[in-house]
Amino acid sequence: MSDSRVDVEQPSSWEVRWKGLTFKVPDKTNGQKTILDDCSGAVRGGQVCGVLGPSGSGKTTLLDALAGRIDGSRKGRVLEGDIAGCERCAYVQQEEALVGVLTTKETLHTAAALVGGAAARQRADALLDELGLTSCADVIVGTILLKGLSGGQKRRLSIAVELVAEPKTLLLDEPTSGLDSASALAVLEKVKAVASSSAVAVVLTLHQPSHAAWQTLDRVSFMARGRVCYFGDDAGLKTFLASADSPVPGNRDVAEYVLSLTNEDFPGHGDVDSIVAKFRETREGDGVVEGSAAPPRRRAGFLTRFAVLCGRGFRELIRDPGVIMVRLAMYAMLSALIGAMYANVGDDKDQESVVARVSVLFYVAAFMVFMSVAVLPFVMLQRDVFVKERMNGHYGVMEYVLARFVVAVPGVALLAIVTTLLVVFPAKLNGPVIYGLDLFVSLLVAEGFMSLVAACVPHYIIGIALAAGIFGFHMLCEGFFKVKSEIPDYLKWGYYIAFHSYTFRIFMHNEFNPINNLDCKPFCDGEEVLRFYDMGDVDVAADFGVLIGFAVFFQLCFA
């Protein structure tokens, strides 16, 4: 696909143009399926173009192509055609991806800070008024637990966030979906006003616009099975339909009639093939799509973006009870129960004491680390925000990964400290500092692993199941149920790749290495216990290094 672009200094002459867009994907039945078929169109700055058509007609795929979200190099895919005017493009997808605990004003100010400069901040404040968000400026977006903005307000806020960077082209996928007619009209009227005032070329998809919503559109494109049935203005549409032997009845709404005409899923539709052929015969020449470099999106420096993401992350950590407080309550409750159940076990020197200590250490190394799966739903919510913002050029991967790590450290440290205080001291175990540090690093590894899982699965339920299976295997191999020497050779690799093994080894060495005598027949001192569990050669520093290596590895894989 040609990477053609148009660079125009005067906003009024800016134009987004696409010509001959064709997209095909592999199909098991027919070998190849055509999603877009020779689609062309053009929208000037200040105009709003509505793309209409039945479900499956290729509307969203067209926006994905214009936004550069389709990888035509993947095996079996074919992407052809030319695009101009989408270098400075912002894409607002159907599902909102916003940080729920931030207010409307904070969300826009964060977007402005990522752009950088006083002008961006002024632009953010102006957009509050232009998009009708002033009345809810201090209302949070809303989360599962906290009520916030309405659907229409969220939709307008999502649009405002992308307009802060002053894009030349704005792509909106179903901006009215799920809204009542009044809210849908309000969104379109605000978009129309901003397009006119800022000379932004707007391309949006719609399902069933009302008559009032139809009036906000300067140009329309009707699609069916990936083909353009018509592209142009309202007046030209009626003339074209008459020439195609499908005139609009006097008692029918134009948009409703054309949608029924082109929807081949139900009886009563028109001859779509004939309409498409007629349009291709009569459409105006598409012209030549010439390439030149548009001014790149303005963006603050790396350190500024990193600091902004850290600040946003800490606000989210503090304000959203689901991110840390629920986990803290879980860890505190279980740790208190462990401390109460194994109270003063460290004072005893008999065999029961040895078994109890090993059981406590295994439980903490296995299950307390396993509970990191609880963070997965929140990581996936953050993932949606990250994907949207990165694809629209707000920031890069590296500053986001570093900021997430920095924000995670205090919360993980708090979990490790609380667990250490409630387990080590009541049970009178040895080495609280090493114990707490080991748990802290292990939880960081688990957080990194869950971030990697979140990047690989489409839904958190699948992610939890996957993580549970992997953690279960790690628990099996970490040296508690079977010591390393007794694990079958064909499964011994599991002992080395399980980061739980190194957590458990450090716990065991920290607990039993200082014990010089035991009052039980099998073991005379702590060294005997370590040798029994094949841990007589533990190097604490080396095992800490392995755990840190795991943490870095998972973060790099996520990046």
Protein backbone atom coordinates (compact mmCIF):
# COMPACT_ATOMS: atom_id res chain seq x y z
CA MET A 1 0.00 0.00 0.00
CA SER A 2 1.35 3.41 -0.89
CA ASP A 3 2.37 5.62 2.04
CA SER A 4 1.24 8.78 0.32
CA ARG A 5 0.53 11.93 2.28
CA VAL A 6 -0.59 15.49 1.56
CA ASP A 7 0.90 18.49 3.34
CA VAL A 8 -1.24 21.61 3.15
CA GLU A 9 -0.52 24.81 5.04
CA GLN A 10 -4.01 26.33 4.89
CA PRO A 11 -6.40 24.31 7.08
CA SER A 12 -9.34 25.01 4.75
CA SER A 13 -7.56 23.25 1.89
CA TRP A 14 -6.63 20.16 3.90
CA GLU A 15 -8.11 16.99 2.48
CA VAL A 16 -8.08 13.32 3.42
CA ARG A 17 -8.36 11.16 0.33
CA TRP A 18 -8.37 7.44 -0.27
CA LYS A 19 -8.36 5.72 -3.65
CA GLY A 20 -8.82 2.09 -4.67
CA LEU A 21 -8.63 0.69 -1.14
CA THR A 22 -8.86 -3.09 -1.34
CA PHE A 23 -8.31 -5.45 1.58
CA LYS A 24 -8.42 -9.25 1.38
CA VAL A 25 -7.89 -11.86 4.09
CA PRO A 26 -7.43 -15.65 3.97
CA ASP A 27 -10.64 -17.67 3.95
CA LYS A 28 -10.82 -21.44 4.50
CA THR A 29 -13.85 -21.84 2.23
CA ASN A 30 -13.02 -19.66 -0.76
CA GLY A 31 -9.29 -19.17 -0.27
CA GLN A 32 -9.61 -15.40 0.09
CA LYS A 33 -12.31 -13.06 1.36
CA THR A 34 -12.63 -9.45 0.23
CA ILE A 35 -13.35 -7.05 3.11
CA LEU A 36 -12.85 -3.80 1.16
CA ASP A 37 -13.27 -3.65 -2.60
CA ASP A 38 -11.98 -0.63 -4.54
CA CYS A 39 -13.16 1.99 -2.03
CA SER A 40 -12.49 5.64 -2.79
CA GLY A 41 -13.50 8.98 -1.30
CA ALA A 42 -12.34 12.41 -0.19
CA VAL A 43 -13.22 14.72 2.72
CA ARG A 44 -11.97 18.30 3.08
CA GLY A 45 -11.04 20.03 6.30
CA GLY A 46 -14.17 21.29 8.06
CA GLN A 47 -16.39 18.61 6.55
CA VAL A 48 -18.04 15.66 8.32
CA CYS A 49 -18.41 12.48 6.30
CA GLY A 50 -20.72 9.74 7.49
CA VAL A 51 -20.01 6.15 6.43
CA LEU A 52 -23.21 4.11 6.57
CA GLY A 53 -24.11 0.53 5.82
CA PRO A 54 -25.40 -2.69 7.38
CA SER A 55 -23.31 -4.68 9.85
CA GLY A 56 -20.40 -6.38 8.10
CA SER A 57 -20.29 -3.89 5.26
CA GLY A 58 -16.69 -2.86 5.99
CA LYS A 59 -17.25 0.49 7.72
CA THR A 60 -14.89 -0.09 10.65
CA THR A 61 -12.33 -1.81 8.41
CA LEU A 62 -12.27 1.31 6.24
CA LEU A 63 -11.49 3.46 9.28
CA ASP A 64 -8.81 0.96 10.36
CA ALA A 65 -7.23 1.24 6.92
CA LEU A 66 -7.29 5.05 6.99
CA ALA A 67 -5.76 5.04 10.47
CA GLY A 68 -2.99 2.66 9.39
CA ARG A 69 -4.17 -0.06 11.78
CA ILE A 70 -4.16 -2.86 9.19
CA ASP A 71 -0.98 -4.87 8.67
CA GLY A 72 -1.04 -5.79 5.00
CA SER A 73 2.25 -7.70 5.27
CA ARG A 74 0.77 -10.58 7.28
CA LYS A 75 0.64 -13.89 5.46
CA GLY A 76 -2.35 -14.23 3.18
CA ARG A 77 -3.44 -10.60 3.48
CA VAL A 78 -3.63 -8.21 0.56
CA LEU A 79 -3.90 -4.45 1.12
CA GLU A 80 -3.87 -2.18 -1.89
CA GLY A 81 -4.69 1.44 -2.62
CA ASP A 82 -3.52 4.91 -1.70
CA ILE A 83 -4.24 7.18 1.26
CA ALA A 84 -3.43 10.88 1.66
CA GLY A 85 -4.09 13.22 4.56
CA CYS A 86 -3.96 10.77 7.47
CA GLU A 87 -0.49 11.59 8.76
CA ARG A 88 -1.95 13.74 11.55
CA CYS A 89 -4.82 11.38 12.27
CA ALA A 90 -6.68 10.65 15.52
CA TYR A 91 -8.85 7.54 15.79
CA VAL A 92 -11.61 7.24 18.41
CA GLN A 93 -12.88 3.67 18.47
CA GLN A 94 -16.33 2.54 19.51
CA GLU A 95 -15.39 1.39 23.01
CA GLU A 96 -14.21 4.19 25.29
CA ALA A 97 -10.78 3.65 26.85
CA LEU A 98 -10.35 6.22 29.61
CA VAL A 99 -8.84 6.22 33.10
CA GLY A 100 -11.91 5.87 35.27
CA VAL A 101 -10.70 7.66 38.41
CA LEU A 102 -9.65 10.87 36.67
CA THR A 103 -12.08 13.77 36.31
CA THR A 104 -12.99 15.17 32.91
CA LYS A 105 -10.68 18.13 33.39
CA GLU A 106 -7.80 15.96 34.65
CA THR A 107 -8.19 13.66 31.66
CA LEU A 108 -7.90 16.56 29.23
CA HIS A 109 -5.05 18.19 31.14
CA THR A 110 -3.17 14.87 31.11
CA ALA A 111 -3.62 14.68 27.34
CA ALA A 112 -2.36 18.27 27.08
CA ALA A 113 0.68 17.50 29.26
CA LEU A 114 1.59 14.59 26.96
CA VAL A 115 1.45 17.01 24.00
CA GLY A 116 3.43 19.64 25.88
CA GLY A 117 3.32 23.43 25.88
CA ALA A 118 0.95 26.08 27.21
CA ALA A 119 -1.03 26.10 23.96
CA ALA A 120 -2.08 22.48 24.49
CA ARG A 121 -3.33 23.30 27.99
CA GLN A 122 -5.35 26.22 26.62
CA ARG A 123 -6.69 23.97 23.88
CA ALA A 124 -7.81 21.43 26.51
CA ASP A 125 -9.67 24.10 28.47
CA ALA A 126 -11.32 25.39 25.31
CA LEU A 127 -12.48 21.88 24.36
CA LEU A 128 -14.32 21.60 27.67
CA ASP A 129 -16.63 24.34 26.46
CA GLU A 130 -16.69 23.41 22.77
CA LEU A 131 -17.80 19.84 23.46
CA GLY A 132 -20.23 20.69 26.25
CA LEU A 133 -18.16 19.19 29.08
CA THR A 134 -17.93 22.22 31.37
CA SER A 135 -20.79 21.05 33.60
CA CYS A 136 -19.02 17.73 34.28
CA ALA A 137 -15.44 19.05 34.40
CA ASP A 138 -14.96 17.85 37.99
CA VAL A 139 -16.83 14.54 37.63
CA ILE A 140 -14.76 11.36 37.37
CA VAL A 141 -15.04 9.21 34.26
CA GLY A 142 -16.31 6.29 36.33
CA THR A 143 -15.25 2.70 37.10
CA ILE A 144 -16.95 -0.56 37.97
CA LEU A 145 -17.13 0.58 41.58
CA LEU A 146 -17.46 4.35 41.16
CA LYS A 147 -20.25 6.11 39.25
CA GLY A 148 -19.15 8.81 36.82
CA LEU A 149 -19.96 10.31 33.42
CA SER A 150 -22.89 9.32 31.24
CA GLY A 151 -22.35 7.47 27.95
CA GLY A 152 -22.69 10.61 25.85
CA GLN A 153 -20.28 12.54 28.06
CA LYS A 154 -17.69 9.76 27.85
CA ARG A 155 -18.02 9.73 24.08
CA ARG A 156 -17.47 13.51 23.85
CA LEU A 157 -14.56 13.29 26.29
CA SER A 158 -12.91 10.58 24.17
CA ILE A 159 -13.19 12.87 21.16
CA ALA A 160 -11.88 15.87 23.11
CA VAL A 161 -8.80 13.93 24.27
CA GLU A 162 -7.78 13.31 20.66
CA LEU A 163 -8.50 16.88 19.57
CA VAL A 164 -6.05 18.30 22.14
CA ALA A 165 -3.15 17.49 19.80
CA GLU A 166 -4.92 19.29 16.92
CA PRO A 167 -5.09 16.44 14.40
CA LYS A 168 -5.78 17.17 10.75
CA THR A 169 -8.08 14.16 10.40
CA LEU A 170 -10.46 12.69 12.99
CA LEU A 171 -11.84 9.16 12.59
CA LEU A 172 -14.81 8.14 14.78
CA ASP A 173 -16.13 4.60 14.91
CA GLU A 174 -19.81 4.52 15.87
CA PRO A 175 -19.74 7.71 18.01
CA THR A 176 -23.52 7.48 18.54
CA SER A 177 -23.76 3.75 19.28
CA GLY A 178 -25.59 3.01 22.53
CA LEU A 179 -26.85 6.59 22.94
CA ASP A 180 -30.40 7.87 22.88
CA SER A 181 -31.37 10.07 19.92
CA ALA A 182 -30.90 13.34 21.83
CA SER A 183 -27.42 12.36 23.09
CA ALA A 184 -26.45 11.05 19.67
CA LEU A 185 -27.49 14.31 18.03
CA ALA A 186 -25.61 16.33 20.66
CA VAL A 187 -22.42 14.38 19.93
CA LEU A 188 -22.74 14.91 16.17
CA GLU A 189 -23.54 18.62 16.54
CA LYS A 190 -20.48 19.13 18.75
CA VAL A 191 -18.29 17.21 16.30
CA LYS A 192 -19.66 19.30 13.44
CA ALA A 193 -18.94 22.55 15.31
CA VAL A 194 -15.36 21.51 16.14
CA ALA A 195 -14.75 20.34 12.56
CA SER A 196 -15.88 23.72 11.25
CA SER A 197 -13.94 25.81 13.78
CA SER A 198 -10.72 23.78 13.58
CA ALA A 199 -10.90 22.75 9.91
CA VAL A 200 -10.60 19.07 10.83
CA ALA A 201 -11.64 16.47 8.28
CA VAL A 202 -13.98 14.08 10.11
CA VAL A 203 -14.87 10.57 8.91
CA LEU A 204 -17.31 8.67 11.12
CA THR A 205 -19.38 5.52 10.89
CA LEU A 206 -23.09 5.39 11.68
CA HIS A 207 -25.74 2.68 11.78
CA GLN A 208 -29.10 4.45 11.65
CA PRO A 209 -28.96 8.27 11.84
CA SER A 210 -32.08 10.24 12.67
CA HIS A 211 -33.22 12.95 10.26
CA ALA A 212 -31.60 15.63 12.46
CA ALA A 213 -28.36 13.66 12.68
CA TRP A 214 -28.40 13.22 8.89
CA GLN A 215 -28.42 17.00 8.51
CA THR A 216 -25.07 17.30 10.32
CA LEU A 217 -23.30 15.34 7.56
CA ASP A 218 -21.62 17.15 4.67
CA ARG A 219 -20.81 13.98 2.77
CA VAL A 220 -22.09 10.41 3.00
CA SER A 221 -20.77 7.06 1.90
CA PHE A 222 -23.00 3.99 1.74
CA MET A 223 -21.26 0.61 1.80
CA ALA A 224 -22.36 -2.98 1.23
CA ARG A 225 -20.09 -6.04 1.40
CA GLY A 226 -17.00 -3.84 1.35
CA ARG A 227 -18.05 -1.90 -1.76
CA VAL A 228 -19.04 1.73 -2.05
CA CYS A 229 -22.64 2.12 -3.25
CA TYR A 230 -22.47 5.90 -3.18
CA PHE A 231 -20.13 8.68 -2.08
CA GLY A 232 -21.09 12.33 -2.19
CA ASP A 233 -23.58 14.83 -0.75
CA ASP A 234 -27.29 14.50 0.01
CA ALA A 235 -28.48 16.19 -3.18
CA GLY A 236 -26.29 14.02 -5.35
CA LEU A 237 -27.55 10.90 -3.55
CA LYS A 238 -31.16 11.41 -4.62
CA THR A 239 -30.12 12.12 -8.21
CA PHE A 240 -27.92 9.03 -8.28
CA LEU A 241 -30.62 6.74 -6.89
CA ALA A 242 -33.04 7.98 -9.52
CA SER A 243 -30.50 7.21 -12.25
CA ALA A 244 -29.98 3.75 -10.73
CA ASP A 245 -33.72 2.99 -11.04
CA SER A 246 -34.12 3.14 -7.24
CA PRO A 247 -35.67 6.58 -6.60
CA VAL A 248 -36.39 7.60 -2.99
CA PRO A 249 -40.12 7.30 -2.26
CA GLY A 250 -41.71 10.54 -1.15
CA ASN A 251 -42.75 9.14 2.22
CA ARG A 252 -39.37 7.56 3.12
CA ASP A 253 -36.40 8.96 5.00
CA VAL A 254 -33.41 8.98 2.66
CA ALA A 255 -30.92 7.29 5.00
CA GLU A 256 -33.42 4.67 6.14
CA TYR A 257 -34.38 3.90 2.54
CA VAL A 258 -30.81 3.48 1.30
CA LEU A 259 -29.89 1.26 4.26
CA SER A 260 -32.87 -1.00 3.54
CA LEU A 261 -31.92 -0.98 -0.14
CA THR A 262 -28.34 -2.12 0.51
CA ASN A 263 -28.92 -4.58 3.38
CA GLU A 264 -28.78 -7.98 1.69
CA ASP A 265 -29.40 -9.89 4.93
CA PHE A 266 -33.16 -9.40 4.62
CA PRO A 267 -35.71 -9.64 1.81
CA GLY A 268 -36.79 -6.47 0.01
CA HIS A 269 -33.30 -5.14 -0.69
CA GLY A 270 -32.34 -3.67 -4.02
CA ASP A 271 -29.96 -4.92 -6.68
CA VAL A 272 -26.76 -3.99 -4.83
CA ASP A 273 -24.45 -5.24 -7.58
CA SER A 274 -26.23 -3.01 -10.10
CA ILE A 275 -26.08 0.00 -7.75
CA VAL A 276 -22.35 -0.47 -7.13
CA ALA A 277 -21.66 -0.86 -10.85
CA LYS A 278 -23.71 2.25 -11.62
CA PHE A 279 -21.83 4.31 -9.04
CA ARG A 280 -18.46 3.19 -10.34
CA GLU A 281 -19.52 4.31 -13.82
CA THR A 282 -20.77 7.72 -12.74
CA ARG A 283 -18.42 8.73 -9.91
CA GLU A 284 -16.07 11.60 -10.51
CA GLY A 285 -12.44 10.95 -11.20
CA ASP A 286 -10.54 10.23 -8.02
CA GLY A 287 -7.54 12.21 -9.11
CA VAL A 288 -3.97 11.43 -8.20
CA VAL A 289 -3.02 10.83 -4.57
CA GLU A 290 0.22 12.75 -4.21
CA GLY A 291 2.63 12.16 -1.35
CA SER A 292 4.36 14.63 0.94
CA ALA A 293 5.17 14.72 4.63
CA ALA A 294 2.56 16.28 6.91
CA PRO A 295 3.76 17.96 10.11
CA PRO A 296 4.18 15.23 12.75
CA ARG A 297 2.04 15.11 15.86
CA ARG A 298 3.43 17.35 18.59
CA ARG A 299 4.53 15.43 21.67
CA ALA A 300 6.32 16.33 24.89
CA GLY A 301 9.83 15.01 25.61
CA PHE A 302 10.49 11.51 26.94
CA LEU A 303 11.05 12.55 30.57
CA THR A 304 7.93 14.72 30.55
CA ARG A 305 5.81 11.90 29.18
CA PHE A 306 7.31 9.51 31.75
CA ALA A 307 6.57 11.93 34.60
CA VAL A 308 3.00 12.51 33.39
CA LEU A 309 2.33 8.77 33.18
CA CYS A 310 3.81 8.25 36.65
CA GLY A 311 1.59 10.99 38.07
CA ARG A 312 -1.50 9.53 36.43
CA GLY A 313 -0.61 6.05 37.62
CA PHE A 314 -0.17 7.13 41.24
CA ARG A 315 -3.53 8.94 41.18
CA GLU A 316 -5.14 5.79 39.86
CA LEU A 317 -3.41 3.70 42.53
CA ILE A 318 -4.62 5.96 45.34
CA ARG A 319 -8.16 6.62 44.11
CA ASP A 320 -9.26 3.23 42.78
CA PRO A 321 -9.90 0.85 45.68
CA GLY A 322 -9.88 -2.10 43.33
CA VAL A 323 -6.26 -1.60 42.28
CA ILE A 324 -4.53 -1.97 45.67
CA MET A 325 -6.96 -1.81 48.60
CA VAL A 326 -8.83 -5.03 47.77
CA ARG A 327 -5.54 -6.88 47.33
CA LEU A 328 -4.16 -5.37 50.52
CA ALA A 329 -7.22 -6.57 52.44
CA MET A 330 -6.80 -10.08 50.98
CA TYR A 331 -3.11 -10.26 51.87
CA ALA A 332 -3.66 -8.84 55.36
CA MET A 333 -6.49 -11.26 56.14
CA LEU A 334 -4.61 -14.36 54.97
CA SER A 335 -1.36 -13.25 56.58
CA ALA A 336 -3.12 -12.67 59.91
CA LEU A 337 -4.63 -16.17 59.71
CA ILE A 338 -1.22 -17.69 58.95
CA GLY A 339 0.36 -15.79 61.85
CA ALA A 340 -2.41 -16.92 64.23
CA MET A 341 -2.36 -20.56 63.07
CA TYR A 342 1.43 -20.87 63.31
CA ALA A 343 1.97 -18.55 66.30
CA ASN A 344 5.32 -19.07 68.07
CA VAL A 345 6.25 -22.01 65.83
CA GLY A 346 9.76 -20.58 65.63
CA ASP A 347 10.31 -21.16 69.36
CA ASP A 348 10.05 -24.93 69.00
CA LYS A 349 12.88 -27.17 67.82
CA ASP A 350 11.02 -30.46 67.26
CA GLN A 351 10.09 -32.20 64.05
CA GLU A 352 6.57 -30.73 64.06
CA SER A 353 8.12 -27.26 64.14
CA VAL A 354 10.30 -28.06 61.11
CA VAL A 355 7.33 -29.34 59.11
CA ALA A 356 5.24 -26.34 60.13
CA ARG A 357 7.94 -23.85 59.13
CA VAL A 358 8.45 -25.46 55.74
CA SER A 359 4.67 -25.49 55.18
CA VAL A 360 4.38 -21.78 56.00
CA LEU A 361 7.25 -20.88 53.68
CA PHE A 362 5.82 -22.94 50.83
CA TYR A 363 2.34 -21.48 51.30
CA VAL A 364 3.65 -17.90 51.18
CA ALA A 365 5.97 -18.61 48.23
CA ALA A 366 3.19 -20.35 46.32
CA PHE A 367 -0.20 -18.93 47.19
CA MET A 368 0.67 -15.36 48.20
CA VAL A 369 2.47 -14.98 44.87
CA PHE A 370 -0.38 -16.78 43.08
CA MET A 371 -2.82 -14.12 44.33
CA SER A 372 -1.20 -11.71 41.89
CA VAL A 373 -3.71 -13.05 39.35
CA ALA A 374 -6.20 -10.70 41.04
CA VAL A 375 -4.49 -7.77 39.34
CA LEU A 376 -5.20 -9.10 35.84
CA PRO A 377 -8.65 -7.46 35.27
CA PHE A 378 -7.23 -4.05 36.21
CA VAL A 379 -4.14 -4.55 34.04
CA MET A 380 -6.40 -5.35 31.09
CA LEU A 381 -8.44 -2.20 31.66
CA GLN A 382 -5.19 -0.24 31.64
CA ARG A 383 -4.13 -2.16 28.53
CA ASP A 384 -7.10 -0.82 26.61
CA VAL A 385 -6.12 2.74 27.51
CA PHE A 386 -2.49 2.07 26.62
CA VAL A 387 -3.31 0.53 23.22
CA LYS A 388 -5.55 3.45 22.26
CA GLU A 389 -3.11 6.14 23.40
CA ARG A 390 -0.03 4.50 21.92
CA MET A 391 -1.70 3.92 18.55
CA ASN A 392 -2.76 7.56 18.47
CA GLY A 393 0.78 8.69 19.25
CA HIS A 394 0.35 10.03 22.81
CA TYR A 395 3.50 8.24 24.00
CA GLY A 396 5.74 5.25 23.30
CA VAL A 397 6.03 1.81 24.86
CA MET A 398 9.20 2.37 26.86
CA GLU A 399 8.01 5.30 28.96
CA TYR A 400 4.75 3.51 29.63
CA VAL A 401 6.46 0.31 30.82
CA LEU A 402 8.88 2.25 33.02
CA ALA A 403 6.06 4.33 34.51
CA ARG A 404 3.96 1.23 35.24
CA PHE A 405 6.92 -0.36 37.00
CA VAL A 406 7.61 2.72 39.11
CA VAL A 407 3.94 3.00 40.07
CA ALA A 408 3.75 -0.71 40.97
CA VAL A 409 6.73 -0.63 43.36
CA PRO A 410 5.08 1.16 46.35
CA GLY A 411 1.95 -1.02 46.21
CA VAL A 412 3.95 -4.24 45.98
CA ALA A 413 6.24 -3.05 48.78
CA LEU A 414 3.19 -2.39 50.97
CA LEU A 415 1.86 -5.91 50.31
CA ALA A 416 5.25 -7.43 51.16
CA ILE A 417 5.65 -5.39 54.35
CA VAL A 418 2.15 -6.19 55.62
CA THR A 419 2.61 -9.90 54.91
CA THR A 420 6.01 -9.94 56.62
CA LEU A 421 4.74 -8.17 59.73
CA LEU A 422 1.70 -10.41 60.09
CA VAL A 423 3.50 -13.72 59.41
CA VAL A 424 7.14 -13.52 60.46
CA PHE A 425 6.76 -11.88 63.87
CA PRO A 426 3.73 -13.82 65.21
CA ALA A 427 5.23 -17.10 63.98
CA LYS A 428 8.69 -16.01 65.19
CA LEU A 429 10.41 -16.95 61.95
CA ASN A 430 13.99 -15.93 61.17
CA GLY A 431 15.29 -13.07 59.03
CA PRO A 432 12.33 -10.70 58.53
CA VAL A 433 14.37 -8.40 56.28
CA ILE A 434 15.41 -11.11 53.80
CA TYR A 435 11.93 -12.63 54.05
CA GLY A 436 10.25 -9.32 53.16
CA LEU A 437 12.74 -8.53 50.40
CA ASP A 438 12.30 -11.98 48.86
CA LEU A 439 8.52 -11.61 48.86
CA PHE A 440 8.78 -8.08 47.44
CA VAL A 441 10.94 -9.13 44.49
CA SER A 442 8.79 -12.22 43.87
CA LEU A 443 5.62 -10.11 43.76
CA LEU A 444 7.30 -7.78 41.27
CA VAL A 445 8.09 -10.80 39.11
CA ALA A 446 4.48 -11.97 39.37
CA GLU A 447 3.19 -8.49 38.44
CA GLY A 448 5.45 -8.49 35.38
CA PHE A 449 4.26 -11.95 34.42
CA MET A 450 0.61 -10.91 34.72
CA SER A 451 1.31 -7.86 32.54
CA LEU A 452 2.72 -10.20 29.90
CA VAL A 453 -0.34 -12.46 30.17
CA ALA A 454 -2.62 -9.42 29.82
CA ALA A 455 -0.86 -8.51 26.58
CA CYS A 456 -1.39 -11.99 25.13
CA VAL A 457 -5.03 -12.86 25.91
CA PRO A 458 -8.28 -11.29 24.66
CA HIS A 459 -10.20 -11.59 27.95
CA TYR A 460 -9.23 -11.61 31.62
CA ILE A 461 -11.04 -14.92 32.29
CA ILE A 462 -8.75 -16.64 29.77
CA GLY A 463 -5.79 -14.86 31.34
CA ILE A 464 -6.68 -15.99 34.87
CA ALA A 465 -7.10 -19.59 33.68
CA LEU A 466 -3.76 -19.46 31.84
CA ALA A 467 -1.89 -17.90 34.77
CA ALA A 468 -3.46 -20.34 37.24
CA GLY A 469 -2.29 -23.28 35.15
CA ILE A 470 1.26 -21.94 34.83
CA PHE A 471 1.49 -21.01 38.52
CA GLY A 472 0.11 -24.44 39.46
CA PHE A 473 2.88 -26.10 37.45
CA HIS A 474 5.47 -23.85 39.08
CA MET A 475 4.19 -24.80 42.55
CA LEU A 476 4.46 -28.47 41.64
CA CYS A 477 8.08 -28.06 40.56
CA GLU A 478 9.43 -25.65 43.16
CA GLY A 479 10.89 -28.33 45.44
CA PHE A 480 8.26 -28.83 48.14
CA PHE A 481 6.18 -31.77 46.92
CA LYS A 482 9.25 -33.38 45.34
CA VAL A 483 12.80 -32.22 45.92
CA LYS A 484 14.85 -31.30 42.89
CA SER A 485 16.78 -34.57 42.71
CA GLU A 486 13.57 -36.63 42.69
CA ILE A 487 11.83 -34.69 39.91
CA PRO A 488 11.88 -36.80 36.70
CA ASP A 489 14.53 -35.69 34.24
CA TYR A 490 11.93 -34.89 31.58
CA LEU A 491 10.26 -32.40 33.98
CA LYS A 492 13.30 -31.04 35.80
CA TRP A 493 13.39 -28.02 33.48
CA GLY A 494 10.21 -26.92 35.26
CA TYR A 495 12.20 -26.44 38.47
CA TYR A 496 14.56 -23.98 36.81
CA ILE A 497 12.01 -21.93 34.86
CA ALA A 498 9.66 -21.61 37.86
CA PHE A 499 10.50 -18.36 39.63
CA HIS A 500 8.67 -19.83 42.66
CA SER A 501 11.66 -22.21 43.06
CA TYR A 502 14.04 -19.34 43.76
CA THR A 503 11.56 -17.64 46.08
CA PHE A 504 11.18 -20.86 48.08
CA ARG A 505 14.95 -21.50 48.14
CA ILE A 506 15.64 -18.04 49.61
CA PHE A 507 12.87 -18.50 52.20
CA MET A 508 14.25 -21.89 53.22
CA HIS A 509 17.86 -20.72 53.46
CA ASN A 510 16.83 -17.61 55.39
CA GLU A 511 14.84 -19.69 57.89
CA PHE A 512 17.01 -22.75 58.48
CA ASN A 513 20.61 -21.67 57.85
CA PRO A 514 20.85 -19.78 61.20
CA ILE A 515 19.52 -22.77 63.24
CA ASN A 516 22.44 -24.58 64.92
CA ASN A 517 20.50 -27.30 66.74
CA LEU A 518 17.15 -29.05 66.50
CA ASP A 519 15.54 -31.44 68.99
CA CYS A 520 14.40 -34.06 66.51
CA LYS A 521 15.89 -37.31 65.29
CA PRO A 522 15.92 -36.73 61.49
CA PHE A 523 17.60 -33.30 61.69
CA CYS A 524 20.30 -32.11 64.05
CA ASP A 525 20.44 -28.56 62.67
CA GLY A 526 19.12 -26.30 59.95
CA GLU A 527 21.76 -27.41 57.45
CA GLU A 528 20.38 -30.95 57.65
CA VAL A 529 16.92 -29.64 56.73
CA LEU A 530 18.33 -27.75 53.74
CA ARG A 531 20.23 -30.80 52.53
CA PHE A 532 17.07 -32.93 52.87
CA TYR A 533 15.27 -30.52 50.53
CA ASP A 534 18.24 -30.41 48.13
CA MET A 535 18.95 -26.81 49.13
CA GLY A 536 22.32 -27.18 50.78
CA ASP A 537 24.02 -25.20 47.99
CA VAL A 538 21.68 -22.18 47.95
CA ASP A 539 23.37 -18.91 47.00
CA VAL A 540 20.96 -16.20 48.17
CA ALA A 541 22.57 -13.43 46.12
CA ALA A 542 22.49 -15.54 42.96
CA ASP A 543 18.85 -16.51 43.50
CA PHE A 544 17.93 -12.86 44.04
CA GLY A 545 19.72 -12.12 40.77
CA VAL A 546 17.63 -14.75 38.98
CA LEU A 547 14.40 -13.28 40.37
CA ILE A 548 15.43 -9.77 39.28
CA GLY A 549 16.30 -11.21 35.88
CA PHE A 550 12.81 -12.71 35.63
CA ALA A 551 11.27 -9.33 36.52
CA VAL A 552 13.30 -7.53 33.85
CA PHE A 553 12.60 -10.28 31.29
CA PHE A 554 8.82 -10.09 31.76
CA GLN A 555 8.84 -6.30 31.51
CA LEU A 556 10.90 -6.43 28.32
CA CYS A 557 8.57 -9.05 26.84
CA PHE A 558 5.60 -6.83 27.69
CA ALA A 559 7.33 -3.88 26.04
